[in-house]
Amino acid sequence: GSGEVNSARIILSANEGKFISVVPYIDQFDRIRIQINDGEGGTYDRYFDVIKILPSESKSQGTRVELFLMGLEHHLQNLILLRVHLK
């Protein structure tokens, strides 16, 4: 393949930050599925791992959490890099 890894960024925003708690509902390395249908028969269906979670709070934007996601192919890319380094 091209060696490119699918990635996504999701921003969750909610009143009073109900998705952020002492025991997080979303944690690093959780797996998230994104399914999109464009209404014309085209679909996008991929799984991603949560790589980084960035919570924030401000007066203008309220409580938010930004999720940085990488496609599952990043595991294969890491294995290839590890194998190259071991040689």
PDB file of N, CA and C in Angstrom:
ATOM      1  N   GLY A   1       0.822  -1.190   0.000  1.00  0.00           N
ATOM      2  CA  GLY A   1       0.000   0.000   0.000  1.00  0.00           C
ATOM      3  C   GLY A   1       0.859   1.244   0.000  1.00  0.00           C
ATOM      4  N   SER A   2       0.217   2.348   0.186  1.00  0.00           N
ATOM      5  CA  SER A   2       0.878   3.643   0.157  1.00  0.00           C
ATOM      6  C   SER A   2       1.658   3.922   1.433  1.00  0.00           C
ATOM      7  N   GLY A   3       1.408   3.167   2.486  1.00  0.00           N
ATOM      8  CA  GLY A   3       2.079   3.408   3.758  1.00  0.00           C
ATOM      9  C   GLY A   3       1.376   4.447   4.601  1.00  0.00           C
ATOM     10  N   GLU A   4       0.315   5.043   4.074  1.00  0.00           N
ATOM     11  CA  GLU A   4      -0.440   6.036   4.829  1.00  0.00           C
ATOM     12  C   GLU A   4      -1.394   5.350   5.794  1.00  0.00           C
ATOM     13  N   VAL A   5      -1.570   5.966   6.943  1.00  0.00           N
ATOM     14  CA  VAL A   5      -2.450   5.432   7.971  1.00  0.00           C
ATOM     15  C   VAL A   5      -3.669   6.338   8.080  1.00  0.00           C
ATOM     16  N   ASN A   6      -4.867   5.736   8.079  1.00  0.00           N
ATOM     17  CA  ASN A   6      -6.079   6.515   8.290  1.00  0.00           C
ATOM     18  C   ASN A   6      -6.019   7.168   9.654  1.00  0.00           C
ATOM     19  N   SER A   7      -6.503   8.388   9.737  1.00  0.00           N
ATOM     20  CA  SER A   7      -6.563   9.078  11.020  1.00  0.00           C
ATOM     21  C   SER A   7      -7.843   9.891  11.071  1.00  0.00           C
ATOM     22  N   ALA A   8      -8.253  10.234  12.280  1.00  0.00           N
ATOM     23  CA  ALA A   8      -9.454  11.042  12.468  1.00  0.00           C
ATOM     24  C   ALA A   8      -9.303  11.844  13.750  1.00  0.00           C
ATOM     25  N   ARG A   9     -10.051  12.915  13.809  1.00  0.00           N
ATOM     26  CA  ARG A   9     -10.101  13.732  15.016  1.00  0.00           C
ATOM     27  C   ARG A   9     -11.563  14.008  15.302  1.00  0.00           C
ATOM     28  N   ILE A  10     -11.990  13.687  16.510  1.00  0.00           N
ATOM     29  CA  ILE A  10     -13.381  13.884  16.913  1.00  0.00           C
ATOM     30  C   ILE A  10     -13.394  14.837  18.097  1.00  0.00           C
ATOM     31  N   ILE A  11     -14.268  15.833  18.032  1.00  0.00           N
ATOM     32  CA  ILE A  11     -14.434  16.753  19.148  1.00  0.00           C
ATOM     33  C   ILE A  11     -15.830  16.542  19.723  1.00  0.00           C
ATOM     34  N   LEU A  12     -15.883  16.177  21.012  1.00  0.00           N
ATOM     35  CA  LEU A  12     -17.143  15.995  21.720  1.00  0.00           C
ATOM     36  C   LEU A  12     -17.369  17.202  22.616  1.00  0.00           C
ATOM     37  N   SER A  13     -18.567  17.733  22.580  1.00  0.00           N
ATOM     38  CA  SER A  13     -18.906  18.891  23.387  1.00  0.00           C
ATOM     39  C   SER A  13     -20.256  18.625  24.038  1.00  0.00           C
ATOM     40  N   ALA A  14     -20.355  18.876  25.336  1.00  0.00           N
ATOM     41  CA  ALA A  14     -21.614  18.618  26.035  1.00  0.00           C
ATOM     42  C   ALA A  14     -21.761  19.553  27.220  1.00  0.00           C
ATOM     43  N   ASN A  15     -23.003  19.862  27.549  1.00  0.00           N
ATOM     44  CA  ASN A  15     -23.271  20.659  28.740  1.00  0.00           C
ATOM     45  C   ASN A  15     -22.747  19.923  29.962  1.00  0.00           C
ATOM     46  N   GLU A  16     -22.005  20.608  30.778  1.00  0.00           N
ATOM     47  CA  GLU A  16     -21.463  20.097  32.032  1.00  0.00           C
ATOM     48  C   GLU A  16     -20.500  18.925  31.841  1.00  0.00           C
ATOM     49  N   GLY A  17     -20.084  18.625  30.619  1.00  0.00           N
ATOM     50  CA  GLY A  17     -19.072  17.597  30.364  1.00  0.00           C
ATOM     51  C   GLY A  17     -19.438  16.220  30.879  1.00  0.00           C
ATOM     52  N   LYS A  18     -20.656  15.781  30.654  1.00  0.00           N
ATOM     53  CA  LYS A  18     -21.132  14.492  31.182  1.00  0.00           C
ATOM     54  C   LYS A  18     -20.297  13.307  30.702  1.00  0.00           C
ATOM     55  N   PHE A  19     -19.564  13.465  29.584  1.00  0.00           N
ATOM     56  CA  PHE A  19     -18.743  12.371  29.064  1.00  0.00           C
ATOM     57  C   PHE A  19     -17.386  12.300  29.747  1.00  0.00           C
ATOM     58  N   ILE A  20     -17.048  13.303  30.551  1.00  0.00           N
ATOM     59  CA  ILE A  20     -15.786  13.305  31.282  1.00  0.00           C
ATOM     60  C   ILE A  20     -16.100  13.024  32.740  1.00  0.00           C
ATOM     61  N   SER A  21     -15.558  11.949  33.293  1.00  0.00           N
ATOM     62  CA  SER A  21     -15.814  11.601  34.686  1.00  0.00           C
ATOM     63  C   SER A  21     -14.538  11.043  35.301  1.00  0.00           C
ATOM     64  N   VAL A  22     -14.604  10.715  36.591  1.00  0.00           N
ATOM     65  CA  VAL A  22     -13.446  10.135  37.277  1.00  0.00           C
ATOM     66  C   VAL A  22     -13.039   8.838  36.591  1.00  0.00           C
ATOM     67  N   VAL A  23     -14.008   8.012  36.245  1.00  0.00           N
ATOM     68  CA  VAL A  23     -13.751   6.799  35.464  1.00  0.00           C
ATOM     69  C   VAL A  23     -14.145   7.139  34.030  1.00  0.00           C
ATOM     70  N   PRO A  24     -13.183   7.358  33.126  1.00  0.00           N
ATOM     71  CA  PRO A  24     -13.535   7.861  31.790  1.00  0.00           C
ATOM     72  C   PRO A  24     -14.355   6.866  30.976  1.00  0.00           C
ATOM     73  N   TYR A  25     -15.301   7.433  30.251  1.00  0.00           N
ATOM     74  CA  TYR A  25     -16.097   6.621  29.335  1.00  0.00           C
ATOM     75  C   TYR A  25     -15.291   6.272  28.095  1.00  0.00           C
ATOM     76  N   ILE A  26     -14.426   7.161  27.687  1.00  0.00           N
ATOM     77  CA  ILE A  26     -13.534   6.919  26.562  1.00  0.00           C
ATOM     78  C   ILE A  26     -12.116   7.005  27.097  1.00  0.00           C
ATOM     79  N   ASP A  27     -11.320   6.003  26.805  1.00  0.00           N
ATOM     80  CA  ASP A  27      -9.969   5.944  27.342  1.00  0.00           C
ATOM     81  C   ASP A  27      -8.979   5.718  26.199  1.00  0.00           C
ATOM     82  N   GLN A  28      -7.723   6.010  26.458  1.00  0.00           N
ATOM     83  CA  GLN A  28      -6.690   5.783  25.461  1.00  0.00           C
ATOM     84  C   GLN A  28      -6.654   4.301  25.105  1.00  0.00           C
ATOM     85  N   PHE A  29      -6.461   4.010  23.847  1.00  0.00           N
ATOM     86  CA  PHE A  29      -6.407   2.667  23.259  1.00  0.00           C
ATOM     87  C   PHE A  29      -7.778   2.021  23.104  1.00  0.00           C
ATOM     88  N   ASP A  30      -8.866   2.723  23.461  1.00  0.00           N
ATOM     89  CA  ASP A  30     -10.199   2.213  23.141  1.00  0.00           C
ATOM     90  C   ASP A  30     -10.344   2.173  21.630  1.00  0.00           C
ATOM     91  N   ARG A  31     -11.235   1.348  21.148  1.00  0.00           N
ATOM     92  CA  ARG A  31     -11.475   1.225  19.714  1.00  0.00           C
ATOM     93  C   ARG A  31     -12.818   1.865  19.379  1.00  0.00           C
ATOM     94  N   ILE A  32     -12.822   2.701  18.348  1.00  0.00           N
ATOM     95  CA  ILE A  32     -14.023   3.415  17.916  1.00  0.00           C
ATOM     96  C   ILE A  32     -14.282   3.078  16.457  1.00  0.00           C
ATOM     97  N   ARG A  33     -15.546   2.830  16.142  1.00  0.00           N
ATOM     98  CA  ARG A  33     -15.937   2.554  14.760  1.00  0.00           C
ATOM     99  C   ARG A  33     -16.640   3.787  14.196  1.00  0.00           C
ATOM    100  N   ILE A  34     -16.218   4.214  13.007  1.00  0.00           N
ATOM    101  CA  ILE A  34     -16.858   5.318  12.318  1.00  0.00           C
ATOM    102  C   ILE A  34     -17.538   4.765  11.076  1.00  0.00           C
ATOM    103  N   GLN A  35     -18.858   4.942  11.011  1.00  0.00           N
ATOM    104  CA  GLN A  35     -19.649   4.511   9.863  1.00  0.00           C
ATOM    105  C   GLN A  35     -20.347   5.735   9.292  1.00  0.00           C
ATOM    106  N   ILE A  36     -20.157   5.977   8.009  1.00  0.00           N
ATOM    107  CA  ILE A  36     -20.784   7.121   7.350  1.00  0.00           C
ATOM    108  C   ILE A  36     -21.412   6.635   6.049  1.00  0.00           C
ATOM    109  N   ASN A  37     -22.631   7.089   5.794  1.00  0.00           N
ATOM    110  CA  ASN A  37     -23.317   6.813   4.545  1.00  0.00           C
ATOM    111  C   ASN A  37     -23.588   8.161   3.889  1.00  0.00           C
ATOM    112  N   ASP A  38     -23.152   8.338   2.652  1.00  0.00           N
ATOM    113  CA  ASP A  38     -23.301   9.634   1.986  1.00  0.00           C
ATOM    114  C   ASP A  38     -24.676   9.853   1.370  1.00  0.00           C
ATOM    115  N   GLY A  39     -25.590   8.895   1.539  1.00  0.00           N
ATOM    116  CA  GLY A  39     -26.933   9.044   0.998  1.00  0.00           C
ATOM    117  C   GLY A  39     -27.058   8.684  -0.468  1.00  0.00           C
ATOM    118  N   GLU A  40     -25.940   8.420  -1.115  1.00  0.00           N
ATOM    119  CA  GLU A  40     -25.955   8.061  -2.536  1.00  0.00           C
ATOM    120  C   GLU A  40     -25.348   6.679  -2.767  1.00  0.00           C
ATOM    121  N   GLY A  41     -25.335   5.860  -1.732  1.00  0.00           N
ATOM    122  CA  GLY A  41     -24.822   4.508  -1.859  1.00  0.00           C
ATOM    123  C   GLY A  41     -23.373   4.336  -1.435  1.00  0.00           C
ATOM    124  N   GLY A  42     -22.667   5.416  -1.227  1.00  0.00           N
ATOM    125  CA  GLY A  42     -21.272   5.334  -0.784  1.00  0.00           C
ATOM    126  C   GLY A  42     -21.202   5.223   0.734  1.00  0.00           C
ATOM    127  N   THR A  43     -20.333   4.353   1.205  1.00  0.00           N
ATOM    128  CA  THR A  43     -20.189   4.185   2.648  1.00  0.00           C
ATOM    129  C   THR A  43     -18.718   4.236   3.049  1.00  0.00           C
ATOM    130  N   TYR A  44     -18.496   4.626   4.286  1.00  0.00           N
ATOM    131  CA  TYR A  44     -17.167   4.633   4.899  1.00  0.00           C
ATOM    132  C   TYR A  44     -17.338   3.902   6.214  1.00  0.00           C
ATOM    133  N   ASP A  45     -16.581   2.866   6.435  1.00  0.00           N
ATOM    134  CA  ASP A  45     -16.718   2.044   7.634  1.00  0.00           C
ATOM    135  C   ASP A  45     -15.322   1.626   8.082  1.00  0.00           C
ATOM    136  N   ARG A  46     -14.804   2.267   9.112  1.00  0.00           N
ATOM    137  CA  ARG A  46     -13.450   1.997   9.584  1.00  0.00           C
ATOM    138  C   ARG A  46     -13.409   1.960  11.106  1.00  0.00           C
ATOM    139  N   TYR A  47     -12.436   1.219  11.601  1.00  0.00           N
ATOM    140  CA  TYR A  47     -12.163   1.175  13.041  1.00  0.00           C
ATOM    141  C   TYR A  47     -10.897   1.967  13.327  1.00  0.00           C
ATOM    142  N   PHE A  48     -10.904   2.656  14.463  1.00  0.00           N
ATOM    143  CA  PHE A  48      -9.777   3.486  14.876  1.00  0.00           C
ATOM    144  C   PHE A  48      -9.448   3.219  16.337  1.00  0.00           C
ATOM    145  N   ASP A  49      -8.191   3.383  16.700  1.00  0.00           N
ATOM    146  CA  ASP A  49      -7.768   3.337  18.101  1.00  0.00           C
ATOM    147  C   ASP A  49      -7.605   4.763  18.603  1.00  0.00           C
ATOM    148  N   VAL A  50      -8.040   5.001  19.840  1.00  0.00           N
ATOM    149  CA  VAL A  50      -7.851   6.304  20.466  1.00  0.00           C
ATOM    150  C   VAL A  50      -6.380   6.406  20.869  1.00  0.00           C
ATOM    151  N   ILE A  51      -5.674   7.358  20.297  1.00  0.00           N
ATOM    152  CA  ILE A  51      -4.255   7.536  20.561  1.00  0.00           C
ATOM    153  C   ILE A  51      -4.023   8.595  21.634  1.00  0.00           C
ATOM    154  N   LYS A  52      -4.814   9.665  21.576  1.00  0.00           N
ATOM    155  CA  LYS A  52      -4.622  10.772  22.511  1.00  0.00           C
ATOM    156  C   LYS A  52      -5.975  11.384  22.835  1.00  0.00           C
ATOM    157  N   ILE A  53      -6.154  11.797  24.099  1.00  0.00           N
ATOM    158  CA  ILE A  53      -7.374  12.452  24.548  1.00  0.00           C
ATOM    159  C   ILE A  53      -6.981  13.797  25.138  1.00  0.00           C
ATOM    160  N   LEU A  54      -7.600  14.852  24.637  1.00  0.00           N
ATOM    161  CA  LEU A  54      -7.260  16.199  25.090  1.00  0.00           C
ATOM    162  C   LEU A  54      -8.524  16.902  25.602  1.00  0.00           C
ATOM    163  N   PRO A  55      -8.776  16.855  26.924  1.00  0.00           N
ATOM    164  CA  PRO A  55      -9.934  17.561  27.466  1.00  0.00           C
ATOM    165  C   PRO A  55      -9.637  19.050  27.611  1.00  0.00           C
ATOM    166  N   SER A  56     -10.676  19.873  27.485  1.00  0.00           N
ATOM    167  CA  SER A  56     -10.497  21.310  27.676  1.00  0.00           C
ATOM    168  C   SER A  56     -11.807  21.914  28.169  1.00  0.00           C
ATOM    169  N   GLU A  57     -11.684  23.077  28.773  1.00  0.00           N
ATOM    170  CA  GLU A  57     -12.863  23.783  29.246  1.00  0.00           C
ATOM    171  C   GLU A  57     -12.614  25.280  29.109  1.00  0.00           C
ATOM    172  N   SER A  58     -13.569  25.967  28.517  1.00  0.00           N
ATOM    173  CA  SER A  58     -13.456  27.409  28.371  1.00  0.00           C
ATOM    174  C   SER A  58     -14.850  28.025  28.434  1.00  0.00           C
ATOM    175  N   LYS A  59     -14.908  29.314  28.698  1.00  0.00           N
ATOM    176  CA  LYS A  59     -16.203  30.001  28.752  1.00  0.00           C
ATOM    177  C   LYS A  59     -16.872  30.025  27.388  1.00  0.00           C
ATOM    178  N   SER A  60     -16.077  30.199  26.338  1.00  0.00           N
ATOM    179  CA  SER A  60     -16.656  30.321  25.004  1.00  0.00           C
ATOM    180  C   SER A  60     -17.083  28.987  24.403  1.00  0.00           C
ATOM    181  N   GLN A  61     -16.365  27.883  24.723  1.00  0.00           N
ATOM    182  CA  GLN A  61     -16.665  26.591  24.094  1.00  0.00           C
ATOM    183  C   GLN A  61     -17.203  25.557  25.069  1.00  0.00           C
ATOM    184  N   GLY A  62     -17.217  25.843  26.359  1.00  0.00           N
ATOM    185  CA  GLY A  62     -17.715  24.896  27.342  1.00  0.00           C
ATOM    186  C   GLY A  62     -16.757  23.743  27.554  1.00  0.00           C
ATOM    187  N   THR A  63     -17.287  22.634  28.034  1.00  0.00           N
ATOM    188  CA  THR A  63     -16.483  21.443  28.284  1.00  0.00           C
ATOM    189  C   THR A  63     -16.411  20.617  27.010  1.00  0.00           C
ATOM    190  N   ARG A  64     -15.194  20.293  26.609  1.00  0.00           N
ATOM    191  CA  ARG A  64     -14.972  19.534  25.370  1.00  0.00           C
ATOM    192  C   ARG A  64     -13.891  18.492  25.593  1.00  0.00           C
ATOM    193  N   VAL A  65     -13.897  17.499  24.751  1.00  0.00           N
ATOM    194  CA  VAL A  65     -12.790  16.558  24.707  1.00  0.00           C
ATOM    195  C   VAL A  65     -12.489  16.291  23.232  1.00  0.00           C
ATOM    196  N   GLU A  66     -11.206  16.333  22.899  1.00  0.00           N
ATOM    197  CA  GLU A  66     -10.764  16.094  21.534  1.00  0.00           C
ATOM    198  C   GLU A  66     -10.078  14.739  21.498  1.00  0.00           C
ATOM    199  N   LEU A  67     -10.539  13.874  20.611  1.00  0.00           N
ATOM    200  CA  LEU A  67      -9.981  12.532  20.464  1.00  0.00           C
ATOM    201  C   LEU A  67      -9.157  12.473  19.185  1.00  0.00           C
ATOM    202  N   PHE A  68      -7.930  12.010  19.304  1.00  0.00           N
ATOM    203  CA  PHE A  68      -7.063  11.802  18.144  1.00  0.00           C
ATOM    204  C   PHE A  68      -7.020  10.301  17.886  1.00  0.00           C
ATOM    205  N   LEU A  69      -7.406   9.899  16.688  1.00  0.00           N
ATOM    206  CA  LEU A  69      -7.575   8.488  16.345  1.00  0.00           C
ATOM    207  C   LEU A  69      -6.644   8.082  15.214  1.00  0.00           C
ATOM    208  N   MET A  70      -6.189   6.837  15.273  1.00  0.00           N
ATOM    209  CA  MET A  70      -5.384   6.261  14.196  1.00  0.00           C
ATOM    210  C   MET A  70      -6.049   4.960  13.751  1.00  0.00           C
ATOM    211  N   GLY A  71      -6.031   4.723  12.433  1.00  0.00           N
ATOM    212  CA  GLY A  71      -6.586   3.491  11.886  1.00  0.00           C
ATOM    213  C   GLY A  71      -5.811   2.278  12.370  1.00  0.00           C
ATOM    214  N   LEU A  72      -6.460   1.129  12.337  1.00  0.00           N
ATOM    215  CA  LEU A  72      -5.841  -0.096  12.847  1.00  0.00           C
ATOM    216  C   LEU A  72      -4.566  -0.475  12.096  1.00  0.00           C
ATOM    217  N   GLU A  73      -4.406   0.052  10.874  1.00  0.00           N
ATOM    218  CA  GLU A  73      -3.208  -0.263  10.107  1.00  0.00           C
ATOM    219  C   GLU A  73      -1.947   0.317  10.748  1.00  0.00           C
ATOM    220  N   HIS A  74      -2.113   1.216  11.726  1.00  0.00           N
ATOM    221  CA  HIS A  74      -0.922   1.755  12.397  1.00  0.00           C
ATOM    222  C   HIS A  74      -0.205   0.658  13.180  1.00  0.00           C
ATOM    223  N   HIS A  75      -0.930  -0.394  13.601  1.00  0.00           N
ATOM    224  CA  HIS A  75      -0.278  -1.529  14.273  1.00  0.00           C
ATOM    225  C   HIS A  75       0.685  -2.235  13.319  1.00  0.00           C
ATOM    226  N   LEU A  76       0.233  -2.453  12.092  1.00  0.00           N
ATOM    227  CA  LEU A  76       1.075  -3.110  11.084  1.00  0.00           C
ATOM    228  C   LEU A  76       2.288  -2.249  10.770  1.00  0.00           C
ATOM    229  N   GLN A  77       2.083  -0.951  10.665  1.00  0.00           N
ATOM    230  CA  GLN A  77       3.195  -0.050  10.377  1.00  0.00           C
ATOM    231  C   GLN A  77       4.225  -0.099  11.518  1.00  0.00           C
ATOM    232  N   ASN A  78       3.754  -0.146  12.752  1.00  0.00           N
ATOM    233  CA  ASN A  78       4.668  -0.242  13.897  1.00  0.00           C
ATOM    234  C   ASN A  78       5.446  -1.554  13.885  1.00  0.00           C
ATOM    235  N   LEU A  79       4.794  -2.649  13.501  1.00  0.00           N
ATOM    236  CA  LEU A  79       5.482  -3.940  13.428  1.00  0.00           C
ATOM    237  C   LEU A  79       6.558  -3.928  12.348  1.00  0.00           C
ATOM    238  N   ILE A  80       6.247  -3.309  11.215  1.00  0.00           N
ATOM    239  CA  ILE A  80       7.226  -3.229  10.128  1.00  0.00           C
ATOM    240  C   ILE A  80       8.421  -2.404  10.577  1.00  0.00           C
ATOM    241  N   LEU A  81       8.184  -1.265  11.235  1.00  0.00           N
ATOM    242  CA  LEU A  81       9.276  -0.431  11.719  1.00  0.00           C
ATOM    243  C   LEU A  81      10.115  -1.167  12.754  1.00  0.00           C
ATOM    244  N   LEU A  82       9.463  -1.919  13.634  1.00  0.00           N
ATOM    245  CA  LEU A  82      10.186  -2.689  14.644  1.00  0.00           C
ATOM    246  C   LEU A  82      11.061  -3.743  13.990  1.00  0.00           C
ATOM    247  N   ARG A  83      10.530  -4.415  12.991  1.00  0.00           N
ATOM    248  CA  ARG A  83      11.290  -5.456  12.299  1.00  0.00           C
ATOM    249  C   ARG A  83      12.513  -4.867  11.595  1.00  0.00           C
ATOM    250  N   VAL A  84      12.347  -3.690  10.994  1.00  0.00           N
ATOM    251  CA  VAL A  84      13.464  -3.035  10.313  1.00  0.00           C
ATOM    252  C   VAL A  84      14.553  -2.678  11.319  1.00  0.00           C
ATOM    253  N   HIS A  85      14.156  -2.203  12.506  1.00  0.00           N
ATOM    254  CA  HIS A  85      15.124  -1.809  13.526  1.00  0.00           C
ATOM    255  C   HIS A  85      15.848  -3.017  14.131  1.00  0.00           C
ATOM    256  N   LEU A  86      15.182  -4.179  14.129  1.00  0.00           N
ATOM    257  CA  LEU A  86      15.782  -5.379  14.703  1.00  0.00           C
ATOM    258  C   LEU A  86      16.807  -6.018  13.779  1.00  0.00           C
ATOM    259  N   LYS A  87      16.745  -5.721  12.509  1.00  0.00           N
ATOM    260  CA  LYS A  87      17.684  -6.332  11.538  1.00  0.00           C
ATOM    261  C   LYS A  87      19.080  -5.822  11.713  1.00  0.00           C
TER     262      LYS A  87
END
